[in-house]
Structures are given as C-alpha cells and as structure tokens.
Amino acid sequence: MTDSPLLNEIKALIKSSGPMPVWRYMELCLMHPRHGYYISRDPLGREGDFTTAPEVSQMFGELLGLWTASVWKHMGSPPLLRLIELGPGRGTMMADALRALRVLPPLYQALQVHMVDVNPVLRERQKTTLSSVRNITWHDTIDDVPEGPSIILANEYFDVLPIHQMVKRENGWHERVVDIDANGKLQFGAAADPTPRFDVLLPPLVRAAPIGAVFEWRPDAEIMKLAARVRDQDGAALIIDYGHLRSDAGDTFQAIARHTFADPLKAPGQADVTAHVDFQALSRAAEDVGARVHGPVTQGEFLKRLGVDTRAAALMQKATPEVATDIAAALKRLTDTGRGGMGSMFKVLAISEPRLTSLAALSDHVEEGDDAS
C-alpha cells in the first residue's frame, strides 16, 4: 500500500479531540472528502483490492434480473417501476440484470433505473457500462430518488456502513476507540467510562459475553429508511452481504487490500475497511417499521433456487472448453458452501411491503446450524 495522507489528519484529530470512536475512524477511512477510499478510486477486480459477485460471473446479475421480474409480477405489474441499486460498483450487475429483463418487454418499458453512488470514479465506469440504457439517473443518496413503486438492490452495501464497537469491562460496556500509542502508531482502546444502560436492549447472547468481548452494531437508520420506503410506496429491497444470522459478540472489523487481509489501522484510506452484517438486527429493524421480512437464506441456496445451475449449463453448452471451465469455476465460487465460501458466507434478505407474502427463492430462512460466518 502507498503512504496514507489520511493518517496524519487522523492523528491530528486524535491529538486535538481525544480518542476517536471506531465508527468515526471507519467513516473517515471510507468517505473523507479528499482521501476516502470510496471517493477516489475503482477498488474492484484483479487490479483492485477485492472482487464482488457481479464481477465473478454474469449469472449473478442475470438471476437478480429474473428475481426482479418475479417481484414486479407479485406487485401487480405496475406500469412504472423504479429499479434502484445502492453502491452499484462498475454497473456490471445492473447491466446483466437489464439484459435478462429485456425478454419481458412490458417490464422493461416500465423501468426507470436509479443508481445511488458517491464515488465519481465508479460513476464514470457505470455511465460507460450502461451507456445504452434509457431512463437512468444517478443520485448521491436514495433520499433523492423520486417516490413510486420500487425494487431496491443492495449487494455488498451494508458491510461498509460504519459500525460502533463496544468492549465489555467489569463495570459495563465501553465504546471502542482508536488512539495513538507511545510509538506514535494507531491502536485500539476503550473509552474511560462505560456507556450508561447499554446492556438493557442487548440480545441475550451478547449480554452473556465474557469480559473483554467486543460487540458491533450499526444504527438502524439506513435499513429503516428502505423498509419505510417499500412499506409506503410498494415494492421490495434485496440485501446481499456477508455476515451472521444472529446478533452475537465478535470483532469483525477488517481491512482488505490487494485481495488480502490488512491491518485496518495501518494505512487509513488506502484499504477497504468493512465489518460483517448482522442480519438479525436488519430483520428486527425492518419489522419494527412494519415491513415484511423474507429470509435470510444463504447466497448459494438463493442462487440455486433461482436456477443458477441451469443457467450455467446453458452457457457452458455454447462456450469453448476454456470458457466452459471458467463458467464452472465461477459457479462454484458463487455457490460454494464450504467454510468461508461465498455461497455460505453471504446471506440474502428481502424486505417488502406487507402484502407481498412470498418472494422468489426466499420462502424460508437458513437454519442457525448452517451459519458459516
């Protein structure tokens, strides 16, 4: 990794204002107006720092397109549908989804596509990828997307929303912070005083955690915003991310650079910093505002229910032997349920307006024993 111009700014802030909460550190690493990781680069692909499912295979986006068509029909086939993607990367997933949707002209004609992204570098990539798409608009936030029946796609979106971390001590839960050690390097610490009554609303598993345990949580504002939108305006949101099925203690704050794990405190702004998504917390928050929750299921199960094996076989039948081998490898990568495989590590959750009682591939949720996160 290159030198981090953000490091000195963070140290100066800590020296002037005291130890920095982890959520603020993560926010600066990702969204600092000049040096933030997601403000200044295209992080995707072999030459970047990580690869997302849409970049692994066209099958991923195509199947999400088919899922969108199924939900649109369940909604009563409204004559206008806002198809919204949050954090759309290079636009690959949307391009693949729209290609699949072309086979259903009434839906394709009903679409207005909305891309929500603050990264100017990726926006330019998206505009190139989707240059032939009509009725497409870019926004900094979903708040700017006009009202109306919507299907919202969020692949690897929630994992980069800043987390709060709490550390359990003998006298209560203390907010985890980033400080400067005696050698002038960043280190983790904990606020001097506990957060009053923090344990009152904690899940039982977390409340019973041992001294020294770390608990992570995200504010519910983003998921509640999506839930309220689909509740009031008709539609559904599909959330795909890596994470755990139930709220529990554990430190998942991590950095990834050049496709390998890195020290999240070493070069702020130069690596992707993320944390696992708590799907139980997402579900609870969505239900609290009156949306219906579907799932979660594992990504592998979701894609198989949508027919990924059949789609892979069709693609391989028309491909050269070399390309067919690549397709088979991509299928395995997307659906692998071994420990740490994308098929089990990634979960799929949908939220919808209450009248949508069943959504494709999400008829039930994964069992706790299948949680490989």
Protein backbone atom coordinates (compact mmCIF):
# COMPACT_ATOMS: atom_id res chain seq x y z
CA MET A 1 0.00 0.00 0.00
CA THR A 2 1.12 3.56 -0.66
CA ASP A 3 1.66 6.17 2.04
CA SER A 4 -1.58 7.26 3.66
CA PRO A 5 -2.16 11.03 3.53
CA LEU A 6 -5.17 10.50 5.79
CA LEU A 7 -3.06 9.09 8.62
CA ASN A 8 -1.64 12.45 9.68
CA GLU A 9 -5.09 14.05 9.62
CA ILE A 10 -6.49 11.32 11.86
CA LYS A 11 -3.59 11.65 14.29
CA ALA A 12 -4.10 15.40 14.43
CA LEU A 13 -7.79 14.92 15.19
CA ILE A 14 -7.00 12.47 17.99
CA LYS A 15 -4.39 14.80 19.49
CA SER A 16 -6.82 17.73 19.47
CA SER A 17 -10.07 15.99 20.41
CA GLY A 18 -9.08 12.76 22.13
CA PRO A 19 -9.52 9.10 21.15
CA MET A 20 -11.75 8.58 18.10
CA PRO A 21 -14.71 6.15 18.13
CA VAL A 22 -14.32 3.26 15.68
CA TRP A 23 -17.39 4.41 13.73
CA ARG A 24 -15.80 7.80 13.10
CA TYR A 25 -12.48 6.25 12.10
CA MET A 26 -14.26 3.93 9.64
CA GLU A 27 -16.29 6.82 8.24
CA LEU A 28 -13.13 8.87 7.60
CA CYS A 29 -11.31 5.92 6.03
CA LEU A 30 -14.09 5.38 3.52
CA MET A 31 -15.69 8.77 2.98
CA HIS A 32 -13.15 11.51 3.76
CA PRO A 33 -13.83 14.17 1.08
CA ARG A 34 -10.25 14.03 -0.29
CA HIS A 35 -8.63 10.82 0.92
CA GLY A 36 -11.58 8.48 1.50
CA TYR A 37 -11.24 5.02 0.00
CA TYR A 38 -14.62 5.16 -1.75
CA ILE A 39 -14.18 8.71 -3.01
CA SER A 40 -11.05 8.39 -5.09
CA ARG A 41 -10.72 5.02 -6.83
CA ASP A 42 -12.13 1.96 -8.57
CA PRO A 43 -11.39 -0.75 -5.99
CA LEU A 44 -12.79 -3.69 -7.96
CA GLY A 45 -11.33 -6.52 -9.98
CA ARG A 46 -7.99 -8.23 -10.32
CA GLU A 47 -6.08 -4.95 -10.35
CA GLY A 48 -8.03 -3.59 -7.39
CA ASP A 49 -8.50 -4.79 -3.84
CA PHE A 50 -11.49 -7.14 -4.00
CA THR A 51 -13.94 -8.81 -6.38
CA THR A 52 -17.72 -8.79 -5.90
CA ALA A 53 -20.17 -11.42 -7.14
CA PRO A 54 -21.28 -9.46 -10.24
CA GLU A 55 -17.63 -9.33 -11.37
CA VAL A 56 -17.28 -13.10 -10.86
CA SER A 57 -19.98 -14.00 -13.39
CA GLN A 58 -22.77 -12.52 -15.49
CA MET A 59 -25.06 -15.18 -13.98
CA PHE A 60 -25.32 -13.27 -10.71
CA GLY A 61 -26.82 -10.13 -12.22
CA GLU A 62 -28.97 -12.08 -14.67
CA LEU A 63 -30.60 -14.03 -11.86
CA LEU A 64 -31.23 -10.84 -9.89
CA GLY A 65 -32.95 -9.53 -13.01
CA LEU A 66 -35.20 -12.58 -13.06
CA TRP A 67 -35.90 -12.13 -9.35
CA THR A 68 -36.86 -8.51 -10.07
CA ALA A 69 -39.30 -9.67 -12.76
CA SER A 70 -40.91 -12.12 -10.35
CA VAL A 71 -41.37 -9.45 -7.68
CA TRP A 72 -42.79 -6.99 -10.24
CA LYS A 73 -45.44 -9.55 -11.17
CA HIS A 74 -46.26 -10.14 -7.49
CA MET A 75 -46.68 -6.37 -7.14
CA GLY A 76 -49.40 -6.46 -9.80
CA SER A 77 -47.13 -5.37 -12.69
CA PRO A 78 -47.23 -1.61 -12.04
CA PRO A 79 -46.78 0.50 -15.21
CA LEU A 80 -43.83 2.33 -13.63
CA LEU A 81 -41.13 0.64 -11.58
CA ARG A 82 -38.11 2.34 -10.09
CA LEU A 83 -35.20 -0.13 -10.15
CA ILE A 84 -32.70 1.22 -7.64
CA GLU A 85 -29.19 -0.05 -6.97
CA LEU A 86 -27.23 1.05 -3.91
CA GLY A 87 -23.45 1.10 -4.30
CA PRO A 88 -23.51 -0.26 -7.87
CA GLY A 89 -19.76 -0.74 -8.41
CA ARG A 90 -18.92 -0.63 -12.10
CA GLY A 91 -22.53 -1.07 -13.17
CA THR A 92 -21.91 -4.70 -14.09
CA MET A 93 -24.75 -6.15 -12.02
CA MET A 94 -27.30 -3.68 -13.37
CA ALA A 95 -26.18 -4.28 -16.95
CA ASP A 96 -26.57 -8.04 -16.54
CA ALA A 97 -29.94 -7.67 -14.79
CA LEU A 98 -31.27 -5.39 -17.51
CA ARG A 99 -30.13 -7.78 -20.23
CA ALA A 100 -32.18 -10.51 -18.58
CA LEU A 101 -35.17 -8.18 -18.24
CA ARG A 102 -35.23 -7.38 -21.96
CA VAL A 103 -37.06 -10.68 -22.51
CA LEU A 104 -40.05 -9.18 -20.68
CA PRO A 105 -40.89 -6.04 -22.74
CA PRO A 106 -43.78 -4.80 -20.55
CA LEU A 107 -41.47 -4.68 -17.52
CA TYR A 108 -38.51 -3.30 -19.46
CA GLN A 109 -40.68 -0.46 -20.73
CA ALA A 110 -41.90 0.24 -17.19
CA LEU A 111 -38.40 0.64 -15.75
CA GLN A 112 -36.77 3.80 -14.53
CA VAL A 113 -33.25 2.97 -13.33
CA HIS A 114 -31.70 4.84 -10.42
CA MET A 115 -28.05 4.40 -9.40
CA VAL A 116 -27.06 5.59 -5.91
CA ASP A 117 -23.30 6.16 -5.60
CA VAL A 118 -21.00 8.91 -4.29
CA ASN A 119 -17.81 7.64 -5.97
CA PRO A 120 -17.07 9.84 -9.02
CA VAL A 121 -14.60 7.31 -10.47
CA LEU A 122 -17.11 4.48 -10.33
CA ARG A 123 -19.91 6.71 -11.61
CA GLU A 124 -17.94 7.23 -14.81
CA ARG A 125 -17.44 3.47 -15.14
CA GLN A 126 -21.17 2.95 -14.61
CA LYS A 127 -22.05 5.52 -17.26
CA THR A 128 -19.82 3.72 -19.76
CA THR A 129 -21.18 0.29 -18.86
CA LEU A 130 -24.80 1.48 -19.06
CA SER A 131 -24.44 3.95 -21.93
CA SER A 132 -27.23 2.31 -23.94
CA VAL A 133 -29.76 2.32 -21.10
CA ARG A 134 -32.58 4.83 -21.33
CA ASN A 135 -34.31 6.34 -18.30
CA ILE A 136 -31.31 6.13 -15.98
CA THR A 137 -30.40 8.67 -13.29
CA TRP A 138 -27.61 8.96 -10.71
CA HIS A 139 -28.04 10.12 -7.11
CA ASP A 140 -25.85 10.66 -4.05
CA THR A 141 -28.49 9.20 -1.74
CA ILE A 142 -31.71 7.20 -2.04
CA ASP A 143 -33.47 10.19 -0.47
CA ASP A 144 -33.10 11.88 -3.88
CA VAL A 145 -34.87 9.08 -5.77
CA PRO A 146 -38.48 10.07 -6.60
CA GLU A 147 -41.30 8.21 -4.89
CA GLY A 148 -43.09 5.32 -6.54
CA PRO A 149 -43.15 1.51 -6.66
CA SER A 150 -39.57 0.35 -6.31
CA ILE A 151 -37.29 -2.65 -6.25
CA ILE A 152 -34.03 -1.89 -4.48
CA LEU A 153 -30.88 -3.99 -4.95
CA ALA A 154 -28.08 -3.71 -2.38
CA ASN A 155 -25.15 -6.06 -2.95
CA GLU A 156 -22.26 -5.54 -0.51
CA TYR A 157 -23.68 -2.21 0.60
CA PHE A 158 -24.36 -2.59 4.32
CA ASP A 159 -20.93 -4.00 5.18
CA VAL A 160 -19.27 -0.63 4.57
CA LEU A 161 -21.71 1.39 6.69
CA PRO A 162 -19.76 2.50 9.80
CA ILE A 163 -20.05 0.32 12.88
CA HIS A 164 -19.95 1.12 16.56
CA GLN A 165 -17.83 -1.27 18.61
CA MET A 166 -18.29 -1.81 22.33
CA VAL A 167 -15.91 -3.61 24.71
CA LYS A 168 -17.20 -5.38 27.80
CA ARG A 169 -15.45 -4.48 31.05
CA GLU A 170 -16.20 -5.37 34.67
CA ASN A 171 -18.22 -2.17 35.10
CA GLY A 172 -20.14 -2.25 31.80
CA TRP A 173 -19.77 -1.72 28.06
CA HIS A 174 -17.23 0.88 26.87
CA GLU A 175 -17.11 2.31 23.35
CA ARG A 176 -14.08 1.04 21.45
CA VAL A 177 -11.87 3.83 20.16
CA VAL A 178 -8.77 4.47 18.06
CA ASP A 179 -5.91 6.17 19.89
CA ILE A 180 -2.16 6.81 19.46
CA ASP A 181 0.33 4.58 21.26
CA ALA A 182 3.69 5.55 22.78
CA ASN A 183 5.42 4.96 19.44
CA GLY A 184 3.09 7.28 17.56
CA LYS A 185 1.13 4.48 15.89
CA LEU A 186 -2.64 3.99 15.89
CA GLN A 187 -4.01 1.46 18.36
CA PHE A 188 -7.38 0.30 19.65
CA GLY A 189 -8.52 1.34 23.09
CA ALA A 190 -11.72 1.89 25.04
CA ALA A 191 -13.49 4.95 26.40
CA ALA A 192 -12.71 5.59 30.07
CA ASP A 193 -16.32 5.48 31.19
CA PRO A 194 -18.97 2.86 30.34
CA THR A 195 -21.99 3.77 28.23
CA PRO A 196 -24.93 4.05 30.66
CA ARG A 197 -27.53 1.27 30.46
CA PHE A 198 -26.12 -0.01 27.16
CA ASP A 199 -26.84 -3.62 28.08
CA VAL A 200 -30.59 -3.09 28.60
CA LEU A 201 -31.55 -3.78 24.99
CA LEU A 202 -28.75 -6.22 24.16
CA PRO A 203 -29.65 -9.70 22.84
CA PRO A 204 -29.18 -12.43 25.48
CA LEU A 205 -26.16 -13.93 23.71
CA VAL A 206 -24.35 -10.60 23.86
CA ARG A 207 -25.35 -9.84 27.43
CA ALA A 208 -23.77 -13.14 28.48
CA ALA A 209 -20.49 -12.46 26.67
CA PRO A 210 -17.28 -12.69 28.73
CA ILE A 211 -15.22 -9.72 29.92
CA GLY A 212 -13.15 -8.39 27.02
CA ALA A 213 -15.71 -9.33 24.37
CA VAL A 214 -16.40 -6.92 21.51
CA PHE A 215 -19.91 -6.22 20.24
CA GLU A 216 -20.58 -4.41 16.96
CA TRP A 217 -23.71 -2.58 15.95
CA ARG A 218 -24.87 -0.24 13.24
CA PRO A 219 -27.55 2.41 13.63
CA ASP A 220 -30.88 1.25 12.18
CA ALA A 221 -31.45 4.43 10.15
CA GLU A 222 -30.48 3.01 6.74
CA ILE A 223 -32.46 -0.23 6.90
CA MET A 224 -35.46 1.58 8.40
CA LYS A 225 -35.34 4.08 5.55
CA LEU A 226 -35.51 1.27 2.98
CA ALA A 227 -38.21 -0.54 4.95
CA ALA A 228 -40.37 2.57 5.24
CA ARG A 229 -39.99 3.26 1.52
CA VAL A 230 -41.18 -0.17 0.38
CA ARG A 231 -43.87 -0.22 3.09
CA ASP A 232 -45.39 3.05 1.95
CA GLN A 233 -44.71 3.08 -1.80
CA ASP A 234 -44.96 -0.62 -2.71
CA GLY A 235 -42.07 -2.86 -3.61
CA ALA A 236 -39.16 -4.73 -2.09
CA ALA A 237 -35.48 -4.40 -1.24
CA LEU A 238 -32.98 -7.23 -1.71
CA ILE A 239 -29.92 -7.17 0.55
CA ILE A 240 -26.94 -9.44 -0.18
CA ASP A 241 -23.90 -9.25 2.06
CA TYR A 242 -21.51 -11.27 4.17
CA GLY A 243 -22.40 -11.56 7.80
CA HIS A 244 -24.06 -13.54 10.58
CA LEU A 245 -27.62 -14.68 11.14
CA ARG A 246 -27.95 -13.78 14.79
CA SER A 247 -26.69 -10.95 16.96
CA ASP A 248 -23.64 -12.06 18.91
CA ALA A 249 -20.34 -10.74 20.25
CA GLY A 250 -17.29 -10.77 18.00
CA ASP A 251 -14.81 -8.43 16.33
CA THR A 252 -15.19 -8.49 12.52
CA PHE A 253 -13.71 -5.06 11.72
CA GLN A 254 -11.25 -5.74 8.90
CA ALA A 255 -9.31 -4.24 6.04
CA ILE A 256 -8.68 -5.72 2.60
CA ALA A 257 -6.03 -4.54 0.15
CA ARG A 258 -4.87 -6.33 -2.99
CA HIS A 259 -7.21 -9.24 -2.20
CA THR A 260 -5.58 -9.99 1.16
CA PHE A 261 -6.40 -9.01 4.73
CA ALA A 262 -4.54 -5.99 6.08
CA ASP A 263 -4.21 -4.13 9.39
CA PRO A 264 -7.21 -1.74 9.48
CA LEU A 265 -5.17 0.82 11.44
CA LYS A 266 -2.05 0.82 9.27
CA ALA A 267 -2.92 2.88 6.18
CA PRO A 268 -6.31 4.61 6.57
CA GLY A 269 -7.92 5.48 3.27
CA GLN A 270 -5.73 3.05 1.33
CA ALA A 271 -7.65 -0.15 2.08
CA ASP A 272 -11.29 -1.21 2.13
CA VAL A 273 -12.49 -1.35 5.74
CA THR A 274 -15.63 -3.34 6.45
CA ALA A 275 -17.43 -5.35 9.11
CA HIS A 276 -19.87 -8.24 8.93
CA VAL A 277 -23.59 -7.52 8.66
CA ASP A 278 -25.90 -8.54 11.50
CA PHE A 279 -28.91 -9.94 9.63
CA GLN A 280 -30.94 -10.43 12.79
CA ALA A 281 -30.59 -6.72 13.55
CA LEU A 282 -31.61 -5.81 9.97
CA SER A 283 -34.67 -8.04 10.17
CA ARG A 284 -35.73 -6.69 13.54
CA ALA A 285 -35.40 -3.06 12.45
CA ALA A 286 -37.38 -3.66 9.23
CA GLU A 287 -40.16 -5.41 11.12
CA ASP A 288 -40.25 -2.60 13.67
CA VAL A 289 -41.38 -0.15 10.97
CA GLY A 290 -43.98 -2.52 9.54
CA ALA A 291 -42.21 -4.08 6.56
CA ARG A 292 -42.38 -7.81 5.85
CA VAL A 293 -39.11 -9.77 6.10
CA HIS A 294 -38.24 -12.66 3.77
CA GLY A 295 -35.30 -14.92 4.62
CA PRO A 296 -32.45 -14.73 5.16
CA VAL A 297 -31.08 -17.64 3.16
CA THR A 298 -27.51 -18.29 2.09
CA GLN A 299 -26.37 -16.90 -1.26
CA GLY A 300 -25.69 -20.41 -2.52
CA GLU A 301 -29.23 -21.54 -1.74
CA PHE A 302 -30.73 -18.35 -3.17
CA LEU A 303 -28.91 -18.68 -6.50
CA LYS A 304 -29.67 -22.38 -6.79
CA ARG A 305 -33.37 -21.77 -6.18
CA LEU A 306 -33.29 -19.18 -8.95
CA GLY A 307 -31.77 -21.69 -11.37
CA VAL A 308 -28.07 -20.85 -11.46
CA ASP A 309 -27.12 -24.46 -12.28
CA THR A 310 -29.43 -24.48 -15.30
CA ARG A 311 -28.13 -21.10 -16.45
CA ALA A 312 -24.51 -22.26 -16.09
CA ALA A 313 -25.22 -25.42 -18.10
CA ALA A 314 -26.81 -23.36 -20.89
CA LEU A 315 -23.83 -21.00 -21.04
CA MET A 316 -21.33 -23.88 -20.99
CA GLN A 317 -23.11 -25.65 -23.83
CA LYS A 318 -22.42 -22.72 -26.16
CA ALA A 319 -18.90 -21.99 -24.87
CA THR A 320 -15.43 -23.15 -25.84
CA PRO A 321 -13.85 -25.67 -23.44
CA GLU A 322 -11.71 -22.96 -21.89
CA VAL A 323 -14.68 -20.63 -21.30
CA ALA A 324 -16.78 -23.53 -20.03
CA THR A 325 -14.12 -24.23 -17.42
CA ASP A 326 -14.27 -20.59 -16.33
CA ILE A 327 -18.07 -20.75 -16.06
CA ALA A 328 -17.87 -23.88 -13.91
CA ALA A 329 -15.30 -22.18 -11.66
CA ALA A 330 -17.48 -19.09 -11.32
CA LEU A 331 -20.50 -21.23 -10.44
CA LYS A 332 -18.53 -22.97 -7.71
CA ARG A 333 -17.22 -19.66 -6.38
CA LEU A 334 -20.68 -18.10 -6.15
CA THR A 335 -22.36 -21.11 -4.53
CA ASP A 336 -19.59 -22.82 -2.53
CA THR A 337 -20.98 -23.67 0.90
CA GLY A 338 -17.67 -24.69 2.45
CA ARG A 339 -16.48 -22.64 5.40
CA GLY A 340 -15.58 -19.19 4.12
CA GLY A 341 -17.12 -19.84 0.69
CA MET A 342 -19.28 -17.13 -0.87
CA GLY A 343 -22.24 -19.49 -1.01
CA SER A 344 -22.42 -19.73 2.79
CA MET A 345 -20.66 -16.59 3.99
CA PHE A 346 -23.02 -14.32 2.04
CA LYS A 347 -26.66 -14.13 3.11
CA VAL A 348 -29.70 -12.85 1.21
CA LEU A 349 -32.54 -10.97 2.89
CA ALA A 350 -35.52 -9.21 1.36
CA ILE A 351 -37.91 -6.71 2.90
CA SER A 352 -41.17 -5.74 1.29
CA GLU A 353 -44.49 -4.06 1.77
CA PRO A 354 -46.66 -6.33 3.95
CA ARG A 355 -48.99 -7.61 1.20
CA LEU A 356 -46.12 -9.33 -0.61
CA THR A 357 -46.32 -12.53 1.39
CA SER A 358 -43.92 -14.61 -0.69
CA LEU A 359 -40.89 -13.71 -2.78
CA ALA A 360 -38.96 -15.97 -5.14
CA ALA A 361 -36.15 -18.05 -3.57
CA LEU A 362 -36.82 -16.64 -0.10
CA SER A 363 -39.70 -18.75 1.14
CA ASP A 364 -37.88 -19.69 4.34
CA HIS A 365 -34.75 -18.75 6.21
CA VAL A 366 -31.48 -20.58 6.72
CA GLU A 367 -31.13 -22.62 9.90
CA GLU A 368 -28.73 -21.41 12.57
CA GLY A 369 -26.64 -24.53 12.21
CA ASP A 370 -25.96 -23.61 8.59
CA ASP A 371 -24.40 -20.29 9.52
CA ALA A 372 -20.82 -20.46 8.34
CA SER A 373 -19.85 -16.88 9.08
